[in-house]
Amino acid sequence: MEASFMKNMEQFKRNFNSHVEAPVRKHLMNVYTTLAMSIVSCTLGTYIQVLREIVTPQVGALFALLSLFGFLFVGSTKEMFGIRLSMLLACSFSFGVSLAPVIQMVLLFNDPTIITTALVGTALIFIGFSVCSILSPSGKWLFLGGPLSTYLLSVTLLRIFMGGNVVEDATMYLSLGVFCAYILYDTQLIIEKKRMGDEDFLSHSLMLFLDLVNVFIKLLRILKDKDDKKKKSN
């Protein structure tokens, strides 16, 4: 089994090197390294907020938005790199703080293993769709940008006029599929942007971080609802 795994990894490495040129590989390494830092920061924010409520979830969400806007409006220059990285990590930390109430609710009223299942599921989904996007022909998934944006706009409008809970219940599985598709789209978009000279790997890692968080939230919600229905049936 170990030999088979090593063989598959060697095959993936060859395919990766043949599909992606060296500058893009280096760029992706920077993107995923920054993404890992953002995930650690987000996890830390959730952990601290669950153990000891440092701010209200509303304040956490507001600080996340302010950090995000600051990050987006600060110029992408070498001089501002440290400030933008700090803003990115502050934004991901605040996202973690705002996620804490959902985690606490699951810990109090549901099977705690749901959280582990959602984390593992999110990791597998992200890795699978990322590899698929990287190894696909150049530009294959870029057509998804239009339909995905249209879907999100439609859902936003429906939430305004019909109520958030009604729309969320009706589109839960579809929304999970949409954010899985966003991983395909954003990964390939990052590669194409790099090929066109865009070196801003901080912004690119933010795109993937938001995809990852959304997949986790949708997956956690699905698992929580299944557990709630199971309890009611019993």
C-alpha atoms as a PDB file:
ATOM      1  CA  MET A   1       0.000   0.000   0.000  1.00  0.00           C
ATOM      2  CA  GLU A   2       2.858   2.348   0.855  1.00  0.00           C
ATOM      3  CA  ALA A   3       4.554   1.540  -2.436  1.00  0.00           C
ATOM      4  CA  SER A   4       1.304   2.279  -4.290  1.00  0.00           C
ATOM      5  CA  PHE A   5       0.956   5.613  -2.472  1.00  0.00           C
ATOM      6  CA  MET A   6       4.518   6.610  -3.338  1.00  0.00           C
ATOM      7  CA  LYS A   7       3.933   5.629  -6.954  1.00  0.00           C
ATOM      8  CA  ASN A   8       0.781   7.768  -7.111  1.00  0.00           C
ATOM      9  CA  MET A   9       2.618  10.708  -5.545  1.00  0.00           C
ATOM     10  CA  GLU A  10       5.427  10.354  -8.052  1.00  0.00           C
ATOM     11  CA  GLN A  11       2.887  10.288 -10.896  1.00  0.00           C
ATOM     12  CA  PHE A  12       1.177  13.393  -9.509  1.00  0.00           C
ATOM     13  CA  LYS A  13       4.522  15.194  -9.263  1.00  0.00           C
ATOM     14  CA  ARG A  14       5.320  14.410 -12.898  1.00  0.00           C
ATOM     15  CA  ASN A  15       1.874  15.567 -14.037  1.00  0.00           C
ATOM     16  CA  PHE A  16       2.130  18.705 -11.920  1.00  0.00           C
ATOM     17  CA  ASN A  17       5.545  19.614 -13.319  1.00  0.00           C
ATOM     18  CA  SER A  18       4.385  18.998 -16.882  1.00  0.00           C
ATOM     19  CA  HIS A  19       1.197  21.071 -16.524  1.00  0.00           C
ATOM     20  CA  VAL A  20       2.588  23.970 -14.491  1.00  0.00           C
ATOM     21  CA  GLU A  21       5.755  25.905 -15.313  1.00  0.00           C
ATOM     22  CA  ALA A  22       8.336  26.742 -12.621  1.00  0.00           C
ATOM     23  CA  PRO A  23       7.300  30.401 -11.969  1.00  0.00           C
ATOM     24  CA  VAL A  24       3.671  29.351 -11.489  1.00  0.00           C
ATOM     25  CA  ARG A  25       4.712  26.483  -9.196  1.00  0.00           C
ATOM     26  CA  LYS A  26       6.647  28.935  -7.032  1.00  0.00           C
ATOM     27  CA  HIS A  27       3.671  31.299  -6.986  1.00  0.00           C
ATOM     28  CA  LEU A  28       1.297  28.516  -5.951  1.00  0.00           C
ATOM     29  CA  MET A  29       3.683  27.524  -3.170  1.00  0.00           C
ATOM     30  CA  ASN A  30       3.518  31.098  -1.848  1.00  0.00           C
ATOM     31  CA  VAL A  31      -0.278  31.093  -2.174  1.00  0.00           C
ATOM     32  CA  TYR A  32      -0.727  27.838  -0.259  1.00  0.00           C
ATOM     33  CA  THR A  33       1.815  28.819   2.398  1.00  0.00           C
ATOM     34  CA  THR A  34      -0.113  32.039   3.043  1.00  0.00           C
ATOM     35  CA  LEU A  35      -3.365  30.077   2.985  1.00  0.00           C
ATOM     36  CA  ALA A  36      -1.999  27.746   5.670  1.00  0.00           C
ATOM     37  CA  MET A  37      -1.086  30.770   7.805  1.00  0.00           C
ATOM     38  CA  SER A  38      -4.621  32.141   7.376  1.00  0.00           C
ATOM     39  CA  ILE A  39      -6.153  28.796   8.383  1.00  0.00           C
ATOM     40  CA  VAL A  40      -4.003  28.682  11.533  1.00  0.00           C
ATOM     41  CA  SER A  41      -5.006  32.265  12.368  1.00  0.00           C
ATOM     42  CA  CYS A  42      -8.695  31.472  11.800  1.00  0.00           C
ATOM     43  CA  THR A  43      -8.487  28.328  13.955  1.00  0.00           C
ATOM     44  CA  LEU A  44      -6.773  30.298  16.710  1.00  0.00           C
ATOM     45  CA  GLY A  45      -9.515  32.932  16.611  1.00  0.00           C
ATOM     46  CA  THR A  46     -12.237  30.291  16.955  1.00  0.00           C
ATOM     47  CA  TYR A  47     -10.403  28.444  19.724  1.00  0.00           C
ATOM     48  CA  ILE A  48      -9.810  31.565  21.824  1.00  0.00           C
ATOM     49  CA  GLN A  49     -13.381  32.800  21.327  1.00  0.00           C
ATOM     50  CA  VAL A  50     -14.856  29.419  22.344  1.00  0.00           C
ATOM     51  CA  LEU A  51     -12.685  29.176  25.466  1.00  0.00           C
ATOM     52  CA  ARG A  52     -12.981  32.810  26.495  1.00  0.00           C
ATOM     53  CA  GLU A  53     -15.315  35.197  24.727  1.00  0.00           C
ATOM     54  CA  ILE A  54     -13.009  38.103  23.872  1.00  0.00           C
ATOM     55  CA  VAL A  55     -15.583  40.092  21.840  1.00  0.00           C
ATOM     56  CA  THR A  56     -19.144  39.601  20.651  1.00  0.00           C
ATOM     57  CA  PRO A  57     -19.542  37.720  17.335  1.00  0.00           C
ATOM     58  CA  GLN A  58     -20.934  40.917  15.768  1.00  0.00           C
ATOM     59  CA  VAL A  59     -17.778  42.842  16.689  1.00  0.00           C
ATOM     60  CA  GLY A  60     -15.678  39.977  15.308  1.00  0.00           C
ATOM     61  CA  ALA A  61     -17.574  40.057  12.002  1.00  0.00           C
ATOM     62  CA  LEU A  62     -17.251  43.858  11.825  1.00  0.00           C
ATOM     63  CA  PHE A  63     -13.504  43.699  12.469  1.00  0.00           C
ATOM     64  CA  ALA A  64     -13.194  41.016   9.777  1.00  0.00           C
ATOM     65  CA  LEU A  65     -14.912  43.315   7.254  1.00  0.00           C
ATOM     66  CA  LEU A  66     -12.768  46.299   8.249  1.00  0.00           C
ATOM     67  CA  SER A  67      -9.584  44.205   7.946  1.00  0.00           C
ATOM     68  CA  LEU A  68     -10.771  42.904   4.577  1.00  0.00           C
ATOM     69  CA  PHE A  69     -11.505  46.369   3.221  1.00  0.00           C
ATOM     70  CA  GLY A  70      -8.163  47.627   4.534  1.00  0.00           C
ATOM     71  CA  PHE A  71      -6.378  44.727   2.859  1.00  0.00           C
ATOM     72  CA  LEU A  72      -8.141  45.345  -0.463  1.00  0.00           C
ATOM     73  CA  PHE A  73      -7.481  49.097  -0.508  1.00  0.00           C
ATOM     74  CA  VAL A  74      -3.816  49.041   0.524  1.00  0.00           C
ATOM     75  CA  GLY A  75      -1.548  49.001  -2.504  1.00  0.00           C
ATOM     76  CA  SER A  76       0.146  45.751  -3.444  1.00  0.00           C
ATOM     77  CA  THR A  77       3.769  46.882  -3.168  1.00  0.00           C
ATOM     78  CA  LYS A  78       6.854  45.412  -1.520  1.00  0.00           C
ATOM     79  CA  GLU A  79       6.834  48.227   1.043  1.00  0.00           C
ATOM     80  CA  MET A  80       3.253  47.395   2.087  1.00  0.00           C
ATOM     81  CA  PHE A  81       3.704  43.618   2.115  1.00  0.00           C
ATOM     82  CA  GLY A  82       4.046  43.321   5.906  1.00  0.00           C
ATOM     83  CA  ILE A  83       0.998  45.521   6.532  1.00  0.00           C
ATOM     84  CA  ARG A  84      -1.144  43.609   4.029  1.00  0.00           C
ATOM     85  CA  LEU A  85      -0.061  40.262   5.479  1.00  0.00           C
ATOM     86  CA  SER A  86      -0.951  41.504   8.975  1.00  0.00           C
ATOM     87  CA  MET A  87      -4.362  42.660   7.734  1.00  0.00           C
ATOM     88  CA  LEU A  88      -4.943  39.308   6.039  1.00  0.00           C
ATOM     89  CA  LEU A  89      -4.128  37.383   9.225  1.00  0.00           C
ATOM     90  CA  ALA A  90      -6.245  39.789  11.306  1.00  0.00           C
ATOM     91  CA  CYS A  91      -9.119  39.222   8.879  1.00  0.00           C
ATOM     92  CA  SER A  92      -8.813  35.418   9.092  1.00  0.00           C
ATOM     93  CA  PHE A  93      -8.537  35.595  12.901  1.00  0.00           C
ATOM     94  CA  SER A  94     -11.739  37.670  13.021  1.00  0.00           C
ATOM     95  CA  PHE A  95     -13.468  35.201  10.712  1.00  0.00           C
ATOM     96  CA  GLY A  96     -12.568  32.533  13.251  1.00  0.00           C
ATOM     97  CA  VAL A  97     -14.059  34.626  16.062  1.00  0.00           C
ATOM     98  CA  SER A  98     -17.312  35.054  14.115  1.00  0.00           C
ATOM     99  CA  LEU A  99     -17.467  31.268  13.510  1.00  0.00           C
ATOM    100  CA  ALA A 100     -17.229  30.475  17.238  1.00  0.00           C
ATOM    101  CA  PRO A 101     -21.012  30.664  17.974  1.00  0.00           C
ATOM    102  CA  VAL A 102     -21.725  28.014  15.326  1.00  0.00           C
ATOM    103  CA  ILE A 103     -19.029  25.753  16.775  1.00  0.00           C
ATOM    104  CA  GLN A 104     -20.353  26.301  20.310  1.00  0.00           C
ATOM    105  CA  MET A 105     -23.885  25.440  19.217  1.00  0.00           C
ATOM    106  CA  VAL A 106     -22.713  22.162  17.691  1.00  0.00           C
ATOM    107  CA  LEU A 107     -20.683  21.314  20.815  1.00  0.00           C
ATOM    108  CA  LEU A 108     -23.694  21.987  23.073  1.00  0.00           C
ATOM    109  CA  PHE A 109     -26.565  20.435  21.117  1.00  0.00           C
ATOM    110  CA  ASN A 110     -25.059  18.001  18.607  1.00  0.00           C
ATOM    111  CA  ASP A 111     -22.498  15.246  18.275  1.00  0.00           C
ATOM    112  CA  PRO A 112     -19.081  16.962  18.623  1.00  0.00           C
ATOM    113  CA  THR A 113     -17.582  14.602  16.041  1.00  0.00           C
ATOM    114  CA  ILE A 114     -19.570  16.566  13.446  1.00  0.00           C
ATOM    115  CA  ILE A 115     -16.894  19.269  13.638  1.00  0.00           C
ATOM    116  CA  THR A 116     -14.089  16.783  12.952  1.00  0.00           C
ATOM    117  CA  THR A 117     -16.074  15.257  10.083  1.00  0.00           C
ATOM    118  CA  ALA A 118     -16.676  18.702   8.584  1.00  0.00           C
ATOM    119  CA  LEU A 119     -12.983  19.602   8.875  1.00  0.00           C
ATOM    120  CA  VAL A 120     -11.817  16.361   7.260  1.00  0.00           C
ATOM    121  CA  GLY A 121     -14.495  16.630   4.568  1.00  0.00           C
ATOM    122  CA  THR A 122     -13.513  20.228   3.809  1.00  0.00           C
ATOM    123  CA  ALA A 123      -9.833  19.275   3.538  1.00  0.00           C
ATOM    124  CA  LEU A 124     -10.590  16.381   1.165  1.00  0.00           C
ATOM    125  CA  ILE A 125     -12.905  18.523  -0.971  1.00  0.00           C
ATOM    126  CA  PHE A 126     -10.367  21.341  -1.179  1.00  0.00           C
ATOM    127  CA  ILE A 127      -7.449  19.074  -2.053  1.00  0.00           C
ATOM    128  CA  GLY A 128      -9.467  17.100  -4.604  1.00  0.00           C
ATOM    129  CA  PHE A 129     -10.872  20.108  -6.459  1.00  0.00           C
ATOM    130  CA  SER A 130      -7.555  21.991  -6.287  1.00  0.00           C
ATOM    131  CA  VAL A 131      -5.648  19.079  -7.838  1.00  0.00           C
ATOM    132  CA  CYS A 132      -8.363  18.686 -10.491  1.00  0.00           C
ATOM    133  CA  SER A 133      -8.124  22.382 -11.372  1.00  0.00           C
ATOM    134  CA  ILE A 134      -4.312  22.451 -11.473  1.00  0.00           C
ATOM    135  CA  LEU A 135      -4.059  19.373 -13.702  1.00  0.00           C
ATOM    136  CA  SER A 136      -6.881  20.429 -16.048  1.00  0.00           C
ATOM    137  CA  PRO A 137      -6.122  22.088 -19.398  1.00  0.00           C
ATOM    138  CA  SER A 138      -5.413  25.808 -19.162  1.00  0.00           C
ATOM    139  CA  GLY A 139      -8.596  27.881 -18.821  1.00  0.00           C
ATOM    140  CA  LYS A 140     -10.964  24.901 -18.775  1.00  0.00           C
ATOM    141  CA  TRP A 141     -12.901  26.038 -15.682  1.00  0.00           C
ATOM    142  CA  LEU A 142     -12.870  29.806 -16.224  1.00  0.00           C
ATOM    143  CA  PHE A 143     -16.316  29.679 -17.835  1.00  0.00           C
ATOM    144  CA  LEU A 144     -17.719  28.979 -14.343  1.00  0.00           C
ATOM    145  CA  GLY A 145     -17.145  32.591 -13.254  1.00  0.00           C
ATOM    146  CA  GLY A 146     -20.319  33.961 -14.846  1.00  0.00           C
ATOM    147  CA  PRO A 147     -22.792  31.268 -13.697  1.00  0.00           C
ATOM    148  CA  LEU A 148     -21.366  31.190 -10.155  1.00  0.00           C
ATOM    149  CA  SER A 149     -21.567  34.965  -9.757  1.00  0.00           C
ATOM    150  CA  THR A 150     -25.141  34.931 -11.116  1.00  0.00           C
ATOM    151  CA  TYR A 151     -26.119  32.230  -8.629  1.00  0.00           C
ATOM    152  CA  LEU A 152     -24.684  34.116  -5.641  1.00  0.00           C
ATOM    153  CA  LEU A 153     -26.413  37.332  -6.725  1.00  0.00           C
ATOM    154  CA  SER A 154     -29.725  35.480  -7.128  1.00  0.00           C
ATOM    155  CA  VAL A 155     -29.442  33.863  -3.697  1.00  0.00           C
ATOM    156  CA  THR A 156     -28.595  37.217  -2.109  1.00  0.00           C
ATOM    157  CA  LEU A 157     -31.696  38.816  -3.634  1.00  0.00           C
ATOM    158  CA  LEU A 158     -33.885  35.881  -2.564  1.00  0.00           C
ATOM    159  CA  ARG A 159     -32.589  36.175   1.002  1.00  0.00           C
ATOM    160  CA  ILE A 160     -33.566  39.846   1.046  1.00  0.00           C
ATOM    161  CA  PHE A 161     -37.122  39.255  -0.203  1.00  0.00           C
ATOM    162  CA  MET A 162     -37.913  35.770   1.156  1.00  0.00           C
ATOM    163  CA  GLY A 163     -35.864  35.487   4.340  1.00  0.00           C
ATOM    164  CA  GLY A 164     -32.428  33.973   4.933  1.00  0.00           C
ATOM    165  CA  ASN A 165     -33.524  30.725   6.613  1.00  0.00           C
ATOM    166  CA  VAL A 166     -35.999  29.749   3.888  1.00  0.00           C
ATOM    167  CA  VAL A 167     -33.471  30.235   1.099  1.00  0.00           C
ATOM    168  CA  GLU A 168     -30.648  28.592   3.065  1.00  0.00           C
ATOM    169  CA  ASP A 169     -32.711  25.446   3.683  1.00  0.00           C
ATOM    170  CA  ALA A 170     -33.715  25.213   0.011  1.00  0.00           C
ATOM    171  CA  THR A 171     -30.243  25.766  -1.414  1.00  0.00           C
ATOM    172  CA  MET A 172     -27.991  24.123   1.178  1.00  0.00           C
ATOM    173  CA  TYR A 173     -26.613  21.288  -0.986  1.00  0.00           C
ATOM    174  CA  LEU A 174     -26.546  23.468  -4.087  1.00  0.00           C
ATOM    175  CA  SER A 175     -24.562  26.131  -2.222  1.00  0.00           C
ATOM    176  CA  LEU A 176     -22.009  23.513  -1.162  1.00  0.00           C
ATOM    177  CA  GLY A 177     -21.643  22.490  -4.802  1.00  0.00           C
ATOM    178  CA  VAL A 178     -21.245  26.121  -5.858  1.00  0.00           C
ATOM    179  CA  PHE A 179     -18.369  26.753  -3.457  1.00  0.00           C
ATOM    180  CA  CYS A 180     -16.720  23.494  -4.544  1.00  0.00           C
ATOM    181  CA  ALA A 181     -16.945  24.836  -8.091  1.00  0.00           C
ATOM    182  CA  TYR A 182     -15.432  28.103  -6.886  1.00  0.00           C
ATOM    183  CA  ILE A 183     -12.330  26.158  -5.816  1.00  0.00           C
ATOM    184  CA  LEU A 184     -11.995  24.909  -9.400  1.00  0.00           C
ATOM    185  CA  TYR A 185     -12.555  28.379 -10.821  1.00  0.00           C
ATOM    186  CA  ASP A 186     -10.408  30.385  -8.402  1.00  0.00           C
ATOM    187  CA  THR A 187      -7.464  27.971  -8.546  1.00  0.00           C
ATOM    188  CA  GLN A 188      -7.335  28.158 -12.320  1.00  0.00           C
ATOM    189  CA  LEU A 189      -7.926  31.920 -12.251  1.00  0.00           C
ATOM    190  CA  ILE A 190      -4.927  32.324  -9.939  1.00  0.00           C
ATOM    191  CA  ILE A 191      -2.748  30.334 -12.345  1.00  0.00           C
ATOM    192  CA  GLU A 192      -3.869  32.405 -15.334  1.00  0.00           C
ATOM    193  CA  LYS A 193      -3.399  35.673 -13.425  1.00  0.00           C
ATOM    194  CA  LYS A 194       0.155  34.678 -12.580  1.00  0.00           C
ATOM    195  CA  ARG A 195       0.833  33.876 -16.214  1.00  0.00           C
ATOM    196  CA  MET A 196      -0.387  37.393 -17.071  1.00  0.00           C
ATOM    197  CA  GLY A 197       2.053  38.928 -14.571  1.00  0.00           C
ATOM    198  CA  ASP A 198      -0.049  39.224 -11.392  1.00  0.00           C
ATOM    199  CA  GLU A 199       2.340  38.509  -8.491  1.00  0.00           C
ATOM    200  CA  ASP A 200      -0.085  39.325  -5.632  1.00  0.00           C
ATOM    201  CA  PHE A 201      -0.167  35.928  -3.910  1.00  0.00           C
ATOM    202  CA  LEU A 202      -1.713  37.469  -0.761  1.00  0.00           C
ATOM    203  CA  SER A 203      -4.904  38.361  -2.635  1.00  0.00           C
ATOM    204  CA  HIS A 204      -4.882  34.984  -4.338  1.00  0.00           C
ATOM    205  CA  SER A 205      -4.624  33.153  -1.010  1.00  0.00           C
ATOM    206  CA  LEU A 206      -7.552  35.226   0.296  1.00  0.00           C
ATOM    207  CA  MET A 207      -9.700  33.955  -2.580  1.00  0.00           C
ATOM    208  CA  LEU A 208      -8.994  30.345  -1.638  1.00  0.00           C
ATOM    209  CA  PHE A 209      -9.406  31.052   2.081  1.00  0.00           C
ATOM    210  CA  LEU A 210     -12.927  32.378   1.510  1.00  0.00           C
ATOM    211  CA  ASP A 211     -13.758  29.318  -0.615  1.00  0.00           C
ATOM    212  CA  LEU A 212     -12.446  27.037   2.123  1.00  0.00           C
ATOM    213  CA  VAL A 213     -14.412  28.771   4.896  1.00  0.00           C
ATOM    214  CA  ASN A 214     -17.623  28.670   2.873  1.00  0.00           C
ATOM    215  CA  VAL A 215     -17.255  24.960   2.121  1.00  0.00           C
ATOM    216  CA  PHE A 216     -16.673  24.264   5.831  1.00  0.00           C
ATOM    217  CA  ILE A 217     -19.722  26.309   6.894  1.00  0.00           C
ATOM    218  CA  LYS A 218     -22.022  24.635   4.353  1.00  0.00           C
ATOM    219  CA  LEU A 219     -20.736  21.155   5.197  1.00  0.00           C
ATOM    220  CA  LEU A 220     -21.078  21.787   8.932  1.00  0.00           C
ATOM    221  CA  ARG A 221     -24.641  23.043   8.434  1.00  0.00           C
ATOM    222  CA  ILE A 222     -25.581  19.944   6.418  1.00  0.00           C
ATOM    223  CA  LEU A 223     -24.133  17.581   9.032  1.00  0.00           C
ATOM    224  CA  LYS A 224     -25.810  19.523  11.861  1.00  0.00           C
ATOM    225  CA  ASP A 225     -29.209  19.386  10.155  1.00  0.00           C
ATOM    226  CA  LYS A 226     -28.826  15.643   9.578  1.00  0.00           C
ATOM    227  CA  ASP A 227     -28.005  15.141  13.260  1.00  0.00           C
ATOM    228  CA  ASP A 228     -31.008  17.269  14.302  1.00  0.00           C
ATOM    229  CA  LYS A 229     -33.349  15.216  12.093  1.00  0.00           C
ATOM    230  CA  LYS A 230     -31.890  11.980  13.465  1.00  0.00           C
ATOM    231  CA  LYS A 231     -32.575  13.118  17.036  1.00  0.00           C
ATOM    232  CA  LYS A 232     -36.142  14.090  16.194  1.00  0.00           C
ATOM    233  CA  SER A 233     -36.825  10.720  14.552  1.00  0.00           C
ATOM    234  CA  ASN A 234     -35.551   8.937  17.666  1.00  0.00           C
END
